[in-house]
């Protein structure tokens, strides 16, 4: 179950980044949080 949630989270983040890129916007707060959190999530 945890693996499924992580994959869904990653997919959602990827879609969000894509959405921002198309708009030409950057969400630095979210990016910082994402790159800080991602290693902890993916190491399980």
C-alpha atoms as a PDB file:
ATOM      1  CA  UNK A   1       0.000   0.000   0.000  1.00  0.00           C
ATOM      2  CA  UNK A   2       2.827   2.385   0.901  1.00  0.00           C
ATOM      3  CA  UNK A   3       4.471   1.758  -2.482  1.00  0.00           C
ATOM      4  CA  UNK A   4       1.245   2.605  -4.321  1.00  0.00           C
ATOM      5  CA  UNK A   5       0.871   5.850  -2.385  1.00  0.00           C
ATOM      6  CA  UNK A   6       4.470   6.826  -3.129  1.00  0.00           C
ATOM      7  CA  UNK A   7       4.015   6.160  -6.840  1.00  0.00           C
ATOM      8  CA  UNK A   8       0.833   8.214  -6.865  1.00  0.00           C
ATOM      9  CA  UNK A   9       2.571  11.053  -5.020  1.00  0.00           C
ATOM     10  CA  UNK A  10       5.463  11.005  -7.486  1.00  0.00           C
ATOM     11  CA  UNK A  11       3.067  10.986 -10.466  1.00  0.00           C
ATOM     12  CA  UNK A  12       1.119  13.933  -9.028  1.00  0.00           C
ATOM     13  CA  UNK A  13       4.318  15.903  -8.439  1.00  0.00           C
ATOM     14  CA  UNK A  14       5.495  15.214 -11.979  1.00  0.00           C
ATOM     15  CA  UNK A  15       2.186  16.446 -13.365  1.00  0.00           C
ATOM     16  CA  UNK A  16       2.381  19.550 -11.181  1.00  0.00           C
ATOM     17  CA  UNK A  17       5.912  20.352 -12.382  1.00  0.00           C
ATOM     18  CA  UNK A  18       4.772  19.866 -15.978  1.00  0.00           C
ATOM     19  CA  UNK A  19       1.810  22.190 -15.391  1.00  0.00           C
ATOM     20  CA  UNK A  20       4.096  24.879 -13.923  1.00  0.00           C
ATOM     21  CA  UNK A  21       6.581  24.512 -16.776  1.00  0.00           C
ATOM     22  CA  UNK A  22       3.851  25.034 -19.371  1.00  0.00           C
ATOM     23  CA  UNK A  23       2.713  28.154 -17.522  1.00  0.00           C
ATOM     24  CA  UNK A  24       6.301  29.372 -17.230  1.00  0.00           C
ATOM     25  CA  UNK A  25       6.001  29.486 -13.445  1.00  0.00           C
ATOM     26  CA  UNK A  26       8.279  28.083 -10.759  1.00  0.00           C
ATOM     27  CA  UNK A  27       7.149  27.088  -7.279  1.00  0.00           C
ATOM     28  CA  UNK A  28      10.419  27.227  -5.338  1.00  0.00           C
ATOM     29  CA  UNK A  29       8.829  26.386  -1.991  1.00  0.00           C
ATOM     30  CA  UNK A  30       7.265  23.249  -3.396  1.00  0.00           C
ATOM     31  CA  UNK A  31      10.454  22.259  -5.250  1.00  0.00           C
ATOM     32  CA  UNK A  32      12.531  22.622  -2.082  1.00  0.00           C
ATOM     33  CA  UNK A  33      10.064  20.497  -0.142  1.00  0.00           C
ATOM     34  CA  UNK A  34       9.844  17.929  -2.926  1.00  0.00           C
ATOM     35  CA  UNK A  35      13.594  17.442  -3.357  1.00  0.00           C
ATOM     36  CA  UNK A  36      14.089  17.345   0.395  1.00  0.00           C
ATOM     37  CA  UNK A  37      11.308  14.754   0.870  1.00  0.00           C
ATOM     38  CA  UNK A  38      11.804  12.562  -2.205  1.00  0.00           C
ATOM     39  CA  UNK A  39      14.955  10.692  -1.015  1.00  0.00           C
ATOM     40  CA  UNK A  40      13.273   9.815   2.275  1.00  0.00           C
ATOM     41  CA  UNK A  41      10.225   8.435   0.469  1.00  0.00           C
ATOM     42  CA  UNK A  42      12.073   6.476  -2.213  1.00  0.00           C
ATOM     43  CA  UNK A  43      14.544   4.776   0.157  1.00  0.00           C
ATOM     44  CA  UNK A  44      11.945   2.513   1.784  1.00  0.00           C
END
